[in-house]
């Protein structure tokens, strides 16, 4: 029987065995062939569907992952961390096609799914209707959300759509609306089944709104709240929409209000509906973590900073301190402008990997994709922020290793009421905890990567965050 980490030489090929329990069986093991750089990934990266059909990998892989592996996100994250240290050219799953090109594409989605983060910014409205009145309420909400700028609004009839498809969509989108009639002092069975499928797969990190229908004793919202009570990081919007048999002026007004709450960020992102002089954005500043965006004339750039301070209020001025080694320092010194994006507690670790673990000198951190822009032409983040401010540099102070940019505010928007991410919150809740038990070696203080061994080369570079040996400390 193979042991975890054991190798087997077959002559030309050398196989390494890595245990991956609960991905998705207790005894799962993946195998790496170092000669051809092949990862035999068991159920990982698999999909539904026949191999002789030409079809997109993403939809069926998402449905496969959520349905088969979805409950075991922590175990998948552990496996992805192990895989990040391997030089992989080919992935061979048990189910689905052999993956040979653009492997970062597949790893990207597995990281999103296994960390329970939304994949697509949008709203899924899932409804269970008997006579059509709940459906009409769901449709009206969908129309309102589209009109308010939501990039994607998807309606799902739980009585007619396959449950696996509906559940996969719920995990895909950033917001979820549950609409159902009251049935036997409970919810309609299709809705109960749907919510149970979500909660048993670890559904979390979502904004949820509720629509209930009931002629004399509407109880659906109460039941749905109880069913979601154990789910992590679920934000339940207020008010609950209550429909008594058919839509009325009161329930239509409630739908309008809920649509406004669901689409608050989209309204703030659109030039025609945004309040561009909302200086309450200054209240989002604290000892937190921010993404500062800039542009060098050819591409957009962004970096993580932790020093943003309001220095005067008549007029309002903000100081931003940036390390001179960062490419953004050079860009802002030349262009005299930047956007400060206030990260909220929703921001996942992938945001810090993108903007903190690589340099804009060599990497396009936005991938060349179309982005939302403020009036100064710079990018502001479409997700994971509660406010942003456009700043124009008025004064520069040389601090030796760092530079301080003292700026006036040309635009300020509040995106949400989510709390600003503090450095303490990042350390305790976002930064991965290094798995050091029983290991000897060094751990990266930046990302938690563990280097095993008594000696660490002085020129060692962390394979995850690309920081050098100086940012490693001995395992206690």
Protein backbone atom coordinates (compact mmCIF):
# COMPACT_ATOMS: atom_id res chain seq x y z
CA UNK A 1 0.00 0.00 0.00
CA UNK A 2 1.36 3.43 -0.97
CA UNK A 3 2.19 5.94 1.76
CA UNK A 4 1.48 9.65 1.58
CA UNK A 5 4.38 11.31 -0.23
CA UNK A 6 5.94 8.00 -1.26
CA UNK A 7 7.55 7.62 -4.69
CA UNK A 8 7.72 4.67 -7.05
CA UNK A 9 10.29 4.41 -9.83
CA UNK A 10 9.11 2.63 -12.97
CA UNK A 11 12.31 3.19 -14.87
CA UNK A 12 11.69 6.20 -17.08
CA UNK A 13 8.76 7.40 -14.96
CA UNK A 14 8.74 8.27 -11.26
CA UNK A 15 5.38 8.46 -9.51
CA UNK A 16 4.66 10.42 -6.33
CA UNK A 17 1.54 9.57 -4.32
CA UNK A 18 -0.31 12.30 -2.43
CA UNK A 19 -3.30 11.56 -0.19
CA UNK A 20 -6.37 13.74 -0.78
CA UNK A 21 -8.97 12.44 1.67
CA UNK A 22 -12.60 13.48 1.04
CA UNK A 23 -11.94 14.72 -2.50
CA UNK A 24 -14.40 13.16 -2.51
CA UNK A 25 -13.90 9.70 -0.92
CA UNK A 26 -11.99 9.08 2.35
CA UNK A 27 -9.35 6.98 0.56
CA UNK A 28 -8.68 9.31 -2.42
CA UNK A 29 -5.08 9.59 -3.57
CA UNK A 30 -3.68 11.59 -6.49
CA UNK A 31 -0.57 10.61 -8.40
CA UNK A 32 2.08 12.83 -10.01
CA UNK A 33 4.35 11.64 -12.81
CA UNK A 34 7.41 13.91 -12.68
CA UNK A 35 8.72 12.69 -16.06
CA UNK A 36 5.80 13.83 -18.20
CA UNK A 37 4.54 16.30 -15.56
CA UNK A 38 1.13 14.61 -15.38
CA UNK A 39 -1.21 14.92 -12.41
CA UNK A 40 -3.69 12.04 -12.14
CA UNK A 41 -6.23 14.03 -10.15
CA UNK A 42 -8.90 11.45 -9.18
CA UNK A 43 -12.29 13.25 -9.00
CA UNK A 44 -10.64 16.67 -9.13
CA UNK A 45 -11.18 18.66 -12.37
CA UNK A 46 -13.73 16.14 -13.63
CA UNK A 47 -17.04 16.87 -15.30
CA UNK A 48 -20.30 15.29 -16.35
CA UNK A 49 -20.86 14.41 -19.99
CA UNK A 50 -19.64 11.97 -22.64
CA UNK A 51 -16.09 12.34 -23.95
CA UNK A 52 -17.18 12.08 -27.58
CA UNK A 53 -19.21 15.30 -27.34
CA UNK A 54 -17.87 18.77 -28.03
CA UNK A 55 -19.01 20.89 -25.12
CA UNK A 56 -17.68 23.60 -22.86
CA UNK A 57 -15.88 22.33 -19.75
CA UNK A 58 -17.04 25.01 -17.33
CA UNK A 59 -20.80 24.43 -16.91
CA UNK A 60 -20.63 20.66 -16.49
CA UNK A 61 -17.46 20.85 -14.37
CA UNK A 62 -19.16 23.34 -12.06
CA UNK A 63 -22.22 21.12 -11.73
CA UNK A 64 -19.97 18.11 -11.12
CA UNK A 65 -17.85 19.87 -8.50
CA UNK A 66 -20.77 21.36 -6.54
CA UNK A 67 -22.77 18.13 -6.67
CA UNK A 68 -19.97 15.66 -5.97
CA UNK A 69 -17.17 17.45 -4.13
CA UNK A 70 -18.78 20.72 -3.00
CA UNK A 71 -19.00 19.94 0.70
CA UNK A 72 -15.25 19.40 0.97
CA UNK A 73 -13.88 22.80 0.01
CA UNK A 74 -11.24 22.83 2.78
CA UNK A 75 -9.83 19.53 1.56
CA UNK A 76 -9.72 20.76 -2.03
CA UNK A 77 -7.94 23.94 -0.91
CA UNK A 78 -5.32 21.80 0.83
CA UNK A 79 -4.82 19.76 -2.34
CA UNK A 80 -4.53 22.88 -4.50
CA UNK A 81 -1.82 24.19 -2.20
CA UNK A 82 0.15 20.97 -2.60
CA UNK A 83 -0.36 21.06 -6.36
CA UNK A 84 0.92 24.65 -6.58
CA UNK A 85 4.42 23.42 -5.79
CA UNK A 86 4.37 20.93 -8.70
CA UNK A 87 5.30 21.57 -12.32
CA UNK A 88 2.13 20.30 -14.02
CA UNK A 89 1.65 20.14 -17.80
CA UNK A 90 -1.27 17.69 -18.01
CA UNK A 91 -4.21 16.92 -15.71
CA UNK A 92 -5.92 13.54 -16.07
CA UNK A 93 -9.16 13.32 -14.04
CA UNK A 94 -11.19 10.16 -13.52
CA UNK A 95 -14.22 11.77 -15.16
CA UNK A 96 -13.96 14.06 -18.16
CA UNK A 97 -11.37 15.06 -20.74
CA UNK A 98 -7.61 15.23 -20.36
CA UNK A 99 -6.64 18.86 -19.73
CA UNK A 100 -3.48 20.03 -21.49
CA UNK A 101 -3.69 23.75 -22.25
CA UNK A 102 -4.17 26.84 -20.10
CA UNK A 103 -4.20 24.86 -16.86
CA UNK A 104 -4.41 28.12 -14.91
CA UNK A 105 -7.99 28.44 -16.19
CA UNK A 106 -9.07 25.22 -14.48
CA UNK A 107 -7.09 25.92 -11.30
CA UNK A 108 -8.67 29.37 -11.11
CA UNK A 109 -12.21 28.03 -11.04
CA UNK A 110 -11.38 25.25 -8.60
CA UNK A 111 -9.91 27.82 -6.24
CA UNK A 112 -13.11 29.91 -6.45
CA UNK A 113 -15.44 26.96 -5.95
CA UNK A 114 -13.50 25.38 -3.10
CA UNK A 115 -13.20 28.69 -1.22
CA UNK A 116 -16.99 29.24 -1.57
CA UNK A 117 -16.55 32.59 -3.30
CA UNK A 118 -18.97 33.84 -5.96
CA UNK A 119 -17.84 33.10 -9.49
CA UNK A 120 -20.06 35.62 -11.29
CA UNK A 121 -21.37 38.98 -10.13
CA UNK A 122 -25.14 38.70 -10.50
CA UNK A 123 -28.42 37.57 -8.98
CA UNK A 124 -30.12 34.18 -9.08
CA UNK A 125 -33.84 34.38 -8.31
CA UNK A 126 -35.01 30.86 -7.42
CA UNK A 127 -38.75 30.44 -6.98
CA UNK A 128 -41.34 27.77 -6.20
CA UNK A 129 -44.80 28.88 -7.31
CA UNK A 130 -48.19 27.12 -7.24
CA UNK A 131 -50.66 29.39 -9.04
CA UNK A 132 -48.17 31.74 -10.69
CA UNK A 133 -48.34 34.67 -8.26
CA UNK A 134 -44.97 33.93 -6.64
CA UNK A 135 -43.49 33.55 -10.11
CA UNK A 136 -44.85 36.97 -11.10
CA UNK A 137 -43.27 38.50 -7.98
CA UNK A 138 -39.93 36.89 -8.90
CA UNK A 139 -40.20 38.15 -12.48
CA UNK A 140 -41.00 41.70 -11.32
CA UNK A 141 -37.96 41.70 -9.03
CA UNK A 142 -35.83 40.45 -11.92
CA UNK A 143 -37.04 43.28 -14.16
CA UNK A 144 -36.30 45.86 -11.45
CA UNK A 145 -32.79 44.49 -10.89
CA UNK A 146 -31.98 44.54 -14.61
CA UNK A 147 -33.19 48.14 -14.82
CA UNK A 148 -30.90 49.06 -11.90
CA UNK A 149 -27.82 47.77 -13.67
CA UNK A 150 -27.33 44.21 -12.38
CA UNK A 151 -25.01 42.60 -14.94
CA UNK A 152 -26.76 39.20 -14.82
CA UNK A 153 -30.21 38.27 -13.53
CA UNK A 154 -31.20 34.61 -13.81
CA UNK A 155 -34.61 33.18 -12.89
CA UNK A 156 -34.91 29.54 -11.89
CA UNK A 157 -38.21 27.63 -11.59
CA UNK A 158 -37.39 25.02 -8.95
CA UNK A 159 -40.37 22.87 -9.97
CA UNK A 160 -38.99 22.45 -13.49
CA UNK A 161 -35.21 22.87 -13.46
CA UNK A 162 -33.00 19.91 -12.45
CA UNK A 163 -31.92 20.35 -8.86
CA UNK A 164 -28.21 19.92 -9.68
CA UNK A 165 -28.39 22.75 -12.20
CA UNK A 166 -30.22 25.06 -9.78
CA UNK A 167 -27.74 24.38 -6.98
CA UNK A 168 -24.75 25.00 -9.26
CA UNK A 169 -26.23 28.37 -10.27
CA UNK A 170 -26.68 29.35 -6.62
CA UNK A 171 -22.99 28.71 -6.00
CA UNK A 172 -22.09 30.61 -9.17
CA UNK A 173 -23.77 33.95 -8.50
CA UNK A 174 -22.96 36.52 -5.81
CA UNK A 175 -26.56 37.12 -4.71
CA UNK A 176 -29.53 34.80 -4.23
CA UNK A 177 -33.25 35.48 -3.93
CA UNK A 178 -35.48 32.73 -2.53
CA UNK A 179 -39.16 33.09 -3.40
CA UNK A 180 -41.75 30.55 -2.31
CA UNK A 181 -45.29 30.13 -1.12
CA UNK A 182 -46.12 28.98 2.38
CA UNK A 183 -47.12 25.30 2.34
CA UNK A 184 -48.39 23.42 5.41
CA UNK A 185 -46.84 26.10 7.66
CA UNK A 186 -43.54 25.37 5.90
CA UNK A 187 -42.14 26.09 2.44
CA UNK A 188 -43.09 24.41 -0.82
CA UNK A 189 -41.23 21.05 -1.09
CA UNK A 190 -39.16 22.12 -4.14
CA UNK A 191 -37.80 25.07 -2.16
CA UNK A 192 -37.09 22.95 0.92
CA UNK A 193 -35.13 20.47 -1.19
CA UNK A 194 -33.20 23.31 -2.84
CA UNK A 195 -32.16 24.96 0.43
CA UNK A 196 -31.18 21.60 1.95
CA UNK A 197 -28.93 20.91 -1.04
CA UNK A 198 -27.28 24.32 -0.54
CA UNK A 199 -26.69 24.04 3.20
CA UNK A 200 -25.36 20.49 3.13
CA UNK A 201 -22.75 21.65 0.57
CA UNK A 202 -21.50 24.51 2.73
CA UNK A 203 -23.28 27.39 0.98
CA UNK A 204 -21.81 30.65 2.36
CA UNK A 205 -20.45 34.12 1.60
CA UNK A 206 -23.61 35.31 -0.14
CA UNK A 207 -26.25 38.02 0.07
CA UNK A 208 -29.75 36.53 0.26
CA UNK A 209 -33.17 38.17 -0.11
CA UNK A 210 -36.50 36.49 0.66
CA UNK A 211 -39.95 36.60 -0.92
CA UNK A 212 -42.77 34.75 0.82
CA UNK A 213 -46.35 34.18 -0.25
CA UNK A 214 -49.24 33.26 2.02
CA UNK A 215 -52.90 34.19 2.04
CA UNK A 216 -53.60 34.24 5.78
CA UNK A 217 -50.46 33.06 7.62
CA UNK A 218 -47.27 33.59 5.54
CA UNK A 219 -44.51 31.66 7.30
CA UNK A 220 -42.12 30.87 4.44
CA UNK A 221 -39.59 33.60 5.29
CA UNK A 222 -39.36 32.45 8.92
CA UNK A 223 -38.74 28.85 7.82
CA UNK A 224 -36.12 29.85 5.22
CA UNK A 225 -34.23 31.99 7.75
CA UNK A 226 -34.13 29.05 10.15
CA UNK A 227 -32.84 26.75 7.41
CA UNK A 228 -30.03 29.20 6.56
CA UNK A 229 -29.14 29.99 10.17
CA UNK A 230 -26.14 27.64 10.30
CA UNK A 231 -24.65 28.86 7.01
CA UNK A 232 -21.58 31.07 7.31
CA UNK A 233 -21.41 34.71 6.20
CA UNK A 234 -24.95 34.93 4.86
CA UNK A 235 -26.24 38.51 4.69
CA UNK A 236 -30.06 38.53 4.80
CA UNK A 237 -31.48 41.66 3.25
CA UNK A 238 -34.35 43.64 4.72
CA UNK A 239 -37.23 43.93 4.15
CA UNK A 240 -38.68 40.54 3.42
CA UNK A 241 -41.20 40.78 0.60
CA UNK A 242 -44.57 39.42 1.68
CA UNK A 243 -47.13 38.65 -1.02
CA UNK A 244 -50.64 37.78 0.16
CA UNK A 245 -51.90 35.62 -2.71
CA UNK A 246 -51.29 38.18 -5.48
CA UNK A 247 -49.11 41.25 -5.93
CA UNK A 248 -50.46 44.44 -4.34
CA UNK A 249 -49.18 47.99 -4.21
CA UNK A 250 -47.58 47.23 -0.83
CA UNK A 251 -45.75 44.12 -2.06
CA UNK A 252 -44.67 45.93 -5.24
CA UNK A 253 -43.17 48.70 -3.08
CA UNK A 254 -41.34 46.05 -1.04
CA UNK A 255 -39.95 44.54 -4.23
CA UNK A 256 -38.74 47.99 -5.34
CA UNK A 257 -36.97 48.44 -2.00
CA UNK A 258 -35.34 45.00 -2.08
CA UNK A 259 -34.21 45.58 -5.68
CA UNK A 260 -32.56 48.80 -4.52
CA UNK A 261 -30.71 46.95 -1.77
CA UNK A 262 -29.63 44.12 -4.08
CA UNK A 263 -28.42 46.62 -6.67
CA UNK A 264 -26.95 49.27 -4.42
CA UNK A 265 -23.42 48.55 -5.62
CA UNK A 266 -24.48 48.51 -9.28
CA UNK A 267 -26.22 51.87 -8.89
CA UNK A 268 -23.03 53.29 -7.35
CA UNK A 269 -20.91 51.84 -10.15
CA UNK A 270 -22.92 53.41 -12.98
CA UNK A 271 -22.09 56.99 -13.88
CA UNK A 272 -25.71 57.94 -14.49
CA UNK A 273 -26.98 56.74 -11.08
CA UNK A 274 -23.93 57.16 -8.82
CA UNK A 275 -23.55 59.80 -6.12
CA UNK A 276 -20.04 60.93 -7.01
CA UNK A 277 -19.70 63.33 -4.11
CA UNK A 278 -20.54 60.97 -1.25
CA UNK A 279 -17.85 62.02 1.21
CA UNK A 280 -19.12 59.47 3.73
CA UNK A 281 -16.67 57.28 1.78
CA UNK A 282 -14.08 58.84 4.10
CA UNK A 283 -15.69 56.95 6.98
CA UNK A 284 -14.59 53.70 5.33
CA UNK A 285 -10.95 54.60 5.96
CA UNK A 286 -9.37 52.90 8.96
CA UNK A 287 -6.23 50.92 9.69
CA UNK A 288 -7.23 48.55 6.96
CA UNK A 289 -6.22 47.12 3.63
CA UNK A 290 -6.78 48.82 0.31
CA UNK A 291 -6.17 48.26 -3.38
CA UNK A 292 -4.63 51.32 -5.02
CA UNK A 293 -5.18 51.35 -8.80
CA UNK A 294 -3.28 53.36 -11.40
CA UNK A 295 -2.40 53.27 -15.09
CA UNK A 296 0.99 53.70 -16.76
CA UNK A 297 -0.50 54.67 -20.11
CA UNK A 298 -0.48 51.11 -21.42
CA UNK A 299 -2.12 48.94 -18.79
CA UNK A 300 -3.97 49.12 -15.50
CA UNK A 301 -2.16 48.29 -12.31
CA UNK A 302 -3.04 47.74 -8.67
CA UNK A 303 -1.34 46.99 -5.37
CA UNK A 304 -2.23 46.32 -1.74
CA UNK A 305 -1.49 49.11 0.75
CA UNK A 306 -2.27 49.43 4.44
CA UNK A 307 -1.56 53.10 5.06
CA UNK A 308 -4.34 55.45 3.92
CA UNK A 309 -5.22 58.39 6.16
CA UNK A 310 -7.45 61.43 6.02
CA UNK A 311 -5.15 64.33 6.93
CA UNK A 312 -7.42 67.39 6.59
CA UNK A 313 -11.14 68.06 6.23
CA UNK A 314 -11.13 71.67 4.98
CA UNK A 315 -10.49 70.82 2.25
CA UNK A 316 -10.65 67.03 2.43
CA UNK A 317 -7.22 65.54 1.81
CA UNK A 318 -6.01 61.95 2.00
CA UNK A 319 -2.43 60.67 2.41
CA UNK A 320 -1.37 57.36 0.86
CA UNK A 321 2.01 55.78 1.67
CA UNK A 322 3.55 53.42 -0.92
CA UNK A 323 6.85 51.51 -0.89
CA UNK A 324 9.26 52.88 -3.51
CA UNK A 325 10.02 49.34 -4.70
CA UNK A 326 6.47 48.98 -5.97
CA UNK A 327 5.84 49.78 -9.61
CA UNK A 328 2.72 51.74 -8.64
CA UNK A 329 4.91 54.26 -6.78
CA UNK A 330 6.71 55.08 -10.02
CA UNK A 331 3.45 55.26 -12.01
CA UNK A 332 1.63 57.54 -9.54
CA UNK A 333 4.67 59.79 -9.22
CA UNK A 334 4.44 60.34 -12.97
CA UNK A 335 0.66 60.50 -13.48
CA UNK A 336 -0.32 62.26 -10.22
CA UNK A 337 -3.53 60.26 -9.86
CA UNK A 338 -4.82 57.05 -8.27
CA UNK A 339 -7.95 55.33 -6.99
CA UNK A 340 -8.10 53.99 -3.44
CA UNK A 341 -10.43 50.97 -3.20
CA UNK A 342 -11.51 50.22 0.40
CA UNK A 343 -11.57 46.43 0.74
CA UNK A 344 -14.49 44.97 2.68
CA UNK A 345 -14.47 41.87 4.87
CA UNK A 346 -15.89 39.94 1.87
CA UNK A 347 -12.54 40.07 0.04
CA UNK A 348 -11.06 36.56 -0.36
CA UNK A 349 -7.38 35.68 -0.23
CA UNK A 350 -7.25 35.62 -4.06
CA UNK A 351 -7.51 39.45 -4.05
CA UNK A 352 -4.30 39.64 -2.01
CA UNK A 353 -2.62 37.09 -4.25
CA UNK A 354 -3.47 39.15 -7.34
CA UNK A 355 -2.56 42.59 -6.05
CA UNK A 356 0.01 41.78 -3.37
CA UNK A 357 2.05 38.80 -4.54
CA UNK A 358 3.12 39.89 -8.03
CA UNK A 359 4.53 42.97 -9.71
CA UNK A 360 2.79 45.17 -12.27
CA UNK A 361 6.13 45.50 -14.05
CA UNK A 362 5.80 41.97 -15.38
CA UNK A 363 2.14 40.99 -14.87
CA UNK A 364 -1.13 42.44 -16.13
CA UNK A 365 -3.11 42.18 -12.91
CA UNK A 366 -6.41 42.84 -14.66
CA UNK A 367 -5.77 40.43 -17.53
CA UNK A 368 -6.68 42.97 -20.18
CA UNK A 369 -10.39 42.51 -19.44
CA UNK A 370 -12.83 45.47 -19.58
CA UNK A 371 -13.09 47.17 -16.20
CA UNK A 372 -15.28 49.70 -14.42
CA UNK A 373 -13.76 53.19 -14.50
CA UNK A 374 -14.19 56.39 -12.53
CA UNK A 375 -14.21 59.87 -14.04
CA UNK A 376 -10.40 60.06 -13.94
CA UNK A 377 -10.20 57.07 -16.28
CA UNK A 378 -8.76 54.68 -13.68
CA UNK A 379 -10.14 51.28 -12.69
CA UNK A 380 -12.17 50.73 -9.55
CA UNK A 381 -12.92 47.19 -8.36
CA UNK A 382 -16.35 45.79 -9.16
CA UNK A 383 -16.35 43.46 -6.15
CA UNK A 384 -15.08 43.20 -2.58
CA UNK A 385 -15.02 46.93 -1.83
CA UNK A 386 -17.33 49.14 0.23
CA UNK A 387 -16.14 52.47 -1.22
CA UNK A 388 -13.56 54.06 -3.47
CA UNK A 389 -12.04 57.50 -3.85
CA UNK A 390 -10.35 59.08 -6.85
CA UNK A 391 -7.33 61.08 -5.71
CA UNK A 392 -5.17 63.73 -7.37
CA UNK A 393 -1.67 64.18 -5.97
CA UNK A 394 -1.03 67.66 -4.56
CA UNK A 395 2.17 67.03 -2.64
CA UNK A 396 4.83 64.33 -2.41
CA UNK A 397 6.87 63.62 0.73
CA UNK A 398 10.01 61.45 0.48
CA UNK A 399 10.11 59.05 3.44
CA UNK A 400 13.24 57.16 2.44
CA UNK A 401 12.05 53.64 1.63
CA UNK A 402 8.51 54.93 1.04
CA UNK A 403 6.79 57.89 -0.51
CA UNK A 404 3.76 59.74 0.88
CA UNK A 405 1.26 61.11 -1.62
CA UNK A 406 -0.93 63.88 -0.18
CA UNK A 407 -4.01 64.08 -2.38
CA UNK A 408 -7.21 65.94 -3.00
CA UNK A 409 -10.43 64.02 -3.62
CA UNK A 410 -11.95 64.34 -7.08
CA UNK A 411 -14.60 61.62 -6.70
CA UNK A 412 -15.93 59.45 -3.85
CA UNK A 413 -18.50 56.67 -4.01
CA UNK A 414 -19.91 54.40 -1.30
CA UNK A 415 -20.59 50.93 -2.71
CA UNK A 416 -21.93 49.00 0.32
CA UNK A 417 -22.31 48.96 4.09
CA UNK A 418 -19.95 46.01 4.54
CA UNK A 419 -17.24 46.56 7.15
CA UNK A 420 -13.80 47.64 6.01
CA UNK A 421 -11.21 44.87 6.20
CA UNK A 422 -8.69 45.60 8.92
CA UNK A 423 -5.21 44.13 9.02
CA UNK A 424 -6.23 42.11 12.09
CA UNK A 425 -9.27 40.68 10.29
CA UNK A 426 -7.06 39.70 7.35
CA UNK A 427 -4.58 37.90 9.60
CA UNK A 428 -7.26 36.07 11.58
CA UNK A 429 -9.88 35.27 8.95
CA UNK A 430 -8.51 35.58 5.41
CA UNK A 431 -4.84 34.66 5.34
CA UNK A 432 -4.53 30.84 5.12
CA UNK A 433 -3.32 29.18 8.28
CA UNK A 434 -0.07 27.31 7.54
CA UNK A 435 -0.24 23.56 8.04
CA UNK A 436 2.87 23.16 10.18
CA UNK A 437 1.89 20.38 12.58
CA UNK A 438 4.55 17.67 12.62
CA UNK A 439 6.75 19.56 10.14
CA UNK A 440 10.25 21.00 10.39
CA UNK A 441 11.39 23.95 8.34
CA UNK A 442 10.25 27.47 7.62
CA UNK A 443 6.92 29.20 6.99
CA UNK A 444 6.32 32.24 4.78
CA UNK A 445 5.01 35.16 6.86
CA UNK A 446 3.25 36.59 3.82
CA UNK A 447 1.19 33.68 2.46
CA UNK A 448 1.79 30.75 4.83
CA UNK A 449 3.71 28.49 2.40
CA UNK A 450 5.72 25.86 4.30
CA UNK A 451 9.28 25.02 3.24
CA UNK A 452 10.29 21.70 4.77
CA UNK A 453 13.93 21.06 5.55
CA UNK A 454 16.63 21.96 8.06
CA UNK A 455 18.34 24.37 5.69
CA UNK A 456 16.66 27.00 3.56
CA UNK A 457 18.66 28.39 0.59
CA UNK A 458 19.38 32.10 0.96
CA UNK A 459 18.10 32.71 -2.57
CA UNK A 460 14.89 30.73 -2.05
CA UNK A 461 11.77 32.33 -3.54
CA UNK A 462 8.31 31.41 -2.27
CA UNK A 463 6.45 29.63 -5.10
CA UNK A 464 3.13 31.17 -4.01
CA UNK A 465 3.74 34.84 -3.20
CA UNK A 466 7.23 35.20 -4.76
CA UNK A 467 8.72 36.75 -1.61
CA UNK A 468 12.29 35.90 -0.68
CA UNK A 469 13.93 34.01 2.17
CA UNK A 470 13.87 37.09 4.43
CA UNK A 471 10.09 36.71 4.75
CA UNK A 472 10.33 33.15 6.11
CA UNK A 473 10.50 32.29 9.81
CA UNK A 474 11.32 28.97 11.49
CA UNK A 475 8.40 26.71 12.34
CA UNK A 476 7.89 26.93 16.08
